[in-house]
Amino acid sequence: RYSSCCFSPIHRKNCTATMIRSILAIAIFAALALSTQAFVSAPVGKPALVSTTSLMASRVNAKIEKRKRNRENMRKFKKGGRRGTSRKKM
């Protein structure tokens, strides 16, 4: 006597449903496995989108531009008068 399905005509309908469910589960698992990118390594031939050198260069340029802006604003909003005057003018 066999315990598995598909050998008896009575159990064939249940066996077909079970096989369809298992095939569907395998297909869903395969689709999920193919769509994930978590464990895929980076392509060897392609370089990174932005290198660290260019990032550092842009940071340095931004700092230089900020210094220039600060100097211009200091000149623009500088108070008039002599530099060494005391606060006892009142």
N, C-alpha and C. Protein backbone atom coordinates (compact mmCIF):
# COMPACT_ATOMS: atom_id res chain seq x y z
N ARG A 1 0.84 -1.17 0.00
CA ARG A 1 0.00 0.00 0.00
C ARG A 1 0.89 1.24 0.00
N TYR A 2 0.63 2.17 -0.93
CA TYR A 2 1.42 3.39 -1.06
C TYR A 2 0.77 4.53 -0.28
N SER A 3 1.61 5.32 0.36
CA SER A 3 1.09 6.45 1.12
C SER A 3 1.05 7.73 0.28
N SER A 4 1.73 7.73 -0.84
CA SER A 4 1.73 8.95 -1.67
C SER A 4 0.52 8.98 -2.57
N CYS A 5 0.20 10.14 -3.07
CA CYS A 5 -0.95 10.29 -3.94
C CYS A 5 -0.59 9.93 -5.38
N CYS A 6 -1.52 10.06 -6.27
CA CYS A 6 -1.37 9.89 -7.71
C CYS A 6 -1.36 8.43 -8.16
N PHE A 7 -1.39 7.47 -7.26
CA PHE A 7 -1.44 6.08 -7.70
C PHE A 7 -2.87 5.56 -7.70
N SER A 8 -3.72 6.16 -6.94
CA SER A 8 -5.10 5.73 -6.88
C SER A 8 -5.97 6.74 -7.63
N PRO A 9 -6.95 6.28 -8.40
CA PRO A 9 -7.81 7.22 -9.13
C PRO A 9 -8.61 8.12 -8.21
N ILE A 10 -8.87 7.68 -6.99
CA ILE A 10 -9.64 8.50 -6.05
C ILE A 10 -8.83 9.71 -5.61
N HIS A 11 -7.54 9.52 -5.43
CA HIS A 11 -6.68 10.60 -4.89
C HIS A 11 -6.06 11.47 -5.98
N ARG A 12 -6.35 11.19 -7.24
CA ARG A 12 -5.74 11.96 -8.32
C ARG A 12 -6.11 13.44 -8.28
N LYS A 13 -7.35 13.76 -7.96
CA LYS A 13 -7.79 15.15 -7.93
C LYS A 13 -7.02 15.91 -6.84
N ASN A 14 -6.89 15.32 -5.67
CA ASN A 14 -6.14 15.96 -4.59
C ASN A 14 -4.67 16.06 -4.94
N CYS A 15 -4.17 15.04 -5.63
CA CYS A 15 -2.76 15.04 -6.02
C CYS A 15 -2.48 16.16 -7.02
N THR A 16 -3.37 16.39 -7.94
CA THR A 16 -3.19 17.44 -8.93
C THR A 16 -3.18 18.81 -8.24
N ALA A 17 -4.08 19.02 -7.31
CA ALA A 17 -4.12 20.29 -6.59
C ALA A 17 -2.84 20.49 -5.78
N THR A 18 -2.35 19.43 -5.16
CA THR A 18 -1.13 19.51 -4.37
C THR A 18 0.07 19.81 -5.26
N MET A 19 0.12 19.16 -6.41
CA MET A 19 1.23 19.41 -7.34
C MET A 19 1.20 20.84 -7.86
N ILE A 20 -0.01 21.34 -8.17
CA ILE A 20 -0.13 22.70 -8.67
C ILE A 20 0.32 23.69 -7.59
N ARG A 21 -0.08 23.43 -6.33
CA ARG A 21 0.35 24.31 -5.24
C ARG A 21 1.86 24.29 -5.07
N SER A 22 2.46 23.13 -5.15
CA SER A 22 3.91 23.05 -4.97
C SER A 22 4.64 23.70 -6.14
N ILE A 23 4.16 23.52 -7.35
CA ILE A 23 4.78 24.16 -8.52
C ILE A 23 4.64 25.68 -8.42
N LEU A 24 3.45 26.14 -7.97
CA LEU A 24 3.24 27.58 -7.80
C LEU A 24 4.18 28.14 -6.73
N ALA A 25 4.34 27.42 -5.63
CA ALA A 25 5.24 27.89 -4.57
C ALA A 25 6.68 27.95 -5.07
N ILE A 26 7.10 26.97 -5.84
CA ILE A 26 8.46 26.97 -6.39
C ILE A 26 8.63 28.12 -7.37
N ALA A 27 7.62 28.39 -8.18
CA ALA A 27 7.70 29.49 -9.15
C ALA A 27 7.79 30.84 -8.44
N ILE A 28 7.01 31.01 -7.37
CA ILE A 28 7.07 32.28 -6.61
C ILE A 28 8.43 32.43 -5.96
N PHE A 29 8.94 31.36 -5.38
CA PHE A 29 10.26 31.40 -4.76
C PHE A 29 11.35 31.74 -5.78
N ALA A 30 11.26 31.15 -6.98
CA ALA A 30 12.24 31.42 -8.03
C ALA A 30 12.17 32.88 -8.48
N ALA A 31 10.95 33.41 -8.61
CA ALA A 31 10.79 34.81 -9.02
C ALA A 31 11.38 35.75 -7.97
N LEU A 32 11.15 35.45 -6.71
CA LEU A 32 11.73 36.28 -5.65
C LEU A 32 13.24 36.18 -5.62
N ALA A 33 13.76 34.99 -5.85
CA ALA A 33 15.21 34.80 -5.83
C ALA A 33 15.87 35.55 -6.99
N LEU A 34 15.21 35.57 -8.13
CA LEU A 34 15.78 36.27 -9.28
C LEU A 34 15.67 37.79 -9.16
N SER A 35 14.65 38.26 -8.45
CA SER A 35 14.44 39.71 -8.39
C SER A 35 15.25 40.39 -7.30
N THR A 36 15.77 39.65 -6.35
CA THR A 36 16.53 40.29 -5.26
C THR A 36 17.92 40.65 -5.72
N GLN A 37 18.41 41.76 -5.22
CA GLN A 37 19.75 42.23 -5.55
C GLN A 37 20.65 42.27 -4.33
N ALA A 38 20.19 41.70 -3.22
CA ALA A 38 20.91 41.83 -1.95
C ALA A 38 22.26 41.12 -1.97
N PHE A 39 22.32 39.96 -2.57
CA PHE A 39 23.54 39.18 -2.50
C PHE A 39 24.30 39.15 -3.82
N VAL A 40 23.98 40.08 -4.71
CA VAL A 40 24.64 40.13 -6.01
C VAL A 40 25.85 41.05 -5.89
N SER A 41 26.99 40.60 -6.37
CA SER A 41 28.18 41.43 -6.32
C SER A 41 28.15 42.47 -7.42
N ALA A 42 28.93 43.51 -7.26
CA ALA A 42 28.99 44.59 -8.24
C ALA A 42 29.69 44.09 -9.50
N PRO A 43 29.30 44.60 -10.66
CA PRO A 43 29.97 44.19 -11.89
C PRO A 43 31.44 44.59 -11.88
N VAL A 44 32.26 43.74 -12.43
CA VAL A 44 33.71 43.94 -12.36
C VAL A 44 34.16 45.01 -13.34
N GLY A 45 33.61 45.03 -14.53
CA GLY A 45 34.08 45.92 -15.58
C GLY A 45 33.66 47.37 -15.41
N LYS A 46 32.58 47.63 -14.67
CA LYS A 46 32.06 48.99 -14.56
C LYS A 46 32.65 49.68 -13.33
N PRO A 47 33.11 50.92 -13.47
CA PRO A 47 33.59 51.66 -12.30
C PRO A 47 32.41 52.18 -11.49
N ALA A 48 32.68 52.66 -10.31
CA ALA A 48 31.64 53.26 -9.47
C ALA A 48 31.14 54.53 -10.13
N LEU A 49 29.93 54.94 -9.78
CA LEU A 49 29.33 56.11 -10.42
C LEU A 49 30.14 57.38 -10.12
N VAL A 50 30.52 57.58 -8.88
CA VAL A 50 31.31 58.75 -8.50
C VAL A 50 32.46 58.26 -7.65
N SER A 51 33.65 58.63 -8.04
CA SER A 51 34.81 58.18 -7.26
C SER A 51 34.99 59.07 -6.04
N THR A 52 35.74 58.57 -5.07
CA THR A 52 35.96 59.35 -3.85
C THR A 52 36.84 60.56 -4.13
N THR A 53 37.69 60.46 -5.14
CA THR A 53 38.56 61.60 -5.48
C THR A 53 37.73 62.78 -5.96
N SER A 54 36.76 62.51 -6.83
CA SER A 54 35.94 63.61 -7.33
C SER A 54 35.05 64.17 -6.23
N LEU A 55 34.61 63.31 -5.28
CA LEU A 55 33.83 63.82 -4.16
C LEU A 55 34.66 64.76 -3.30
N MET A 56 35.89 64.37 -3.02
CA MET A 56 36.76 65.22 -2.22
C MET A 56 37.08 66.51 -2.95
N ALA A 57 37.28 66.44 -4.26
CA ALA A 57 37.55 67.64 -5.04
C ALA A 57 36.37 68.60 -4.99
N SER A 58 35.16 68.08 -5.07
CA SER A 58 33.99 68.96 -5.01
C SER A 58 33.83 69.57 -3.62
N ARG A 59 34.20 68.80 -2.58
CA ARG A 59 34.14 69.37 -1.23
C ARG A 59 35.15 70.50 -1.06
N VAL A 60 36.35 70.30 -1.61
CA VAL A 60 37.38 71.34 -1.52
C VAL A 60 36.93 72.57 -2.28
N ASN A 61 36.37 72.39 -3.48
CA ASN A 61 35.88 73.53 -4.25
C ASN A 61 34.76 74.26 -3.51
N ALA A 62 33.89 73.51 -2.86
CA ALA A 62 32.80 74.14 -2.11
C ALA A 62 33.34 74.96 -0.95
N LYS A 63 34.36 74.45 -0.28
CA LYS A 63 34.95 75.20 0.83
C LYS A 63 35.62 76.47 0.34
N ILE A 64 36.33 76.38 -0.79
CA ILE A 64 36.98 77.58 -1.34
C ILE A 64 35.95 78.62 -1.72
N GLU A 65 34.86 78.20 -2.35
CA GLU A 65 33.80 79.13 -2.73
C GLU A 65 33.15 79.75 -1.50
N LYS A 66 32.99 78.96 -0.44
CA LYS A 66 32.40 79.49 0.79
C LYS A 66 33.31 80.55 1.42
N ARG A 67 34.61 80.30 1.41
CA ARG A 67 35.54 81.30 1.94
C ARG A 67 35.45 82.61 1.15
N LYS A 68 35.36 82.50 -0.17
CA LYS A 68 35.24 83.70 -1.01
C LYS A 68 33.95 84.46 -0.68
N ARG A 69 32.85 83.73 -0.56
CA ARG A 69 31.58 84.38 -0.22
C ARG A 69 31.65 85.07 1.13
N ASN A 70 32.27 84.40 2.10
CA ASN A 70 32.39 85.00 3.44
C ASN A 70 33.24 86.26 3.40
N ARG A 71 34.34 86.24 2.64
CA ARG A 71 35.18 87.44 2.52
C ARG A 71 34.40 88.59 1.89
N GLU A 72 33.66 88.28 0.82
CA GLU A 72 32.87 89.33 0.14
C GLU A 72 31.81 89.89 1.08
N ASN A 73 31.16 89.03 1.85
CA ASN A 73 30.13 89.51 2.77
C ASN A 73 30.73 90.30 3.93
N MET A 74 31.94 89.92 4.37
CA MET A 74 32.59 90.70 5.42
C MET A 74 32.89 92.10 4.92
N ARG A 75 33.37 92.21 3.68
CA ARG A 75 33.65 93.54 3.12
C ARG A 75 32.36 94.33 2.92
N LYS A 76 31.32 93.63 2.49
CA LYS A 76 30.07 94.29 2.18
C LYS A 76 29.39 94.83 3.45
N PHE A 77 29.40 94.08 4.53
CA PHE A 77 28.70 94.46 5.75
C PHE A 77 29.63 94.96 6.84
N LYS A 78 30.81 95.36 6.45
CA LYS A 78 31.80 95.86 7.41
C LYS A 78 31.34 97.22 7.94
N LYS A 79 31.53 97.43 9.24
CA LYS A 79 31.17 98.71 9.84
C LYS A 79 32.23 99.74 9.47
N GLY A 80 31.80 100.95 9.30
CA GLY A 80 32.73 102.01 8.97
C GLY A 80 33.48 102.52 10.19
N GLY A 81 34.43 103.36 9.97
CA GLY A 81 35.18 103.93 11.08
C GLY A 81 36.54 103.27 11.23
N ARG A 82 37.25 103.78 12.22
CA ARG A 82 38.59 103.24 12.45
C ARG A 82 38.50 101.93 13.19
N ARG A 83 39.51 101.14 13.05
CA ARG A 83 39.50 99.80 13.66
C ARG A 83 39.79 99.84 15.14
N GLY A 84 40.68 100.65 15.61
CA GLY A 84 41.14 100.59 16.98
C GLY A 84 40.39 101.48 17.94
N THR A 85 39.23 101.96 17.58
CA THR A 85 38.52 102.88 18.47
C THR A 85 37.98 102.14 19.69
N SER A 86 37.89 102.86 20.79
CA SER A 86 37.40 102.24 22.01
C SER A 86 35.87 102.35 22.06
N ARG A 87 35.29 101.66 23.03
CA ARG A 87 33.84 101.65 23.16
C ARG A 87 33.34 102.79 24.05
N LYS A 88 34.24 103.63 24.54
CA LYS A 88 33.85 104.70 25.46
C LYS A 88 33.44 105.96 24.72
N LYS A 89 32.87 105.88 23.55
CA LYS A 89 32.49 107.06 22.78
C LYS A 89 31.19 107.66 23.26
N MET A 90 30.39 106.97 23.99
CA MET A 90 29.10 107.48 24.43
C MET A 90 29.34 108.56 25.40
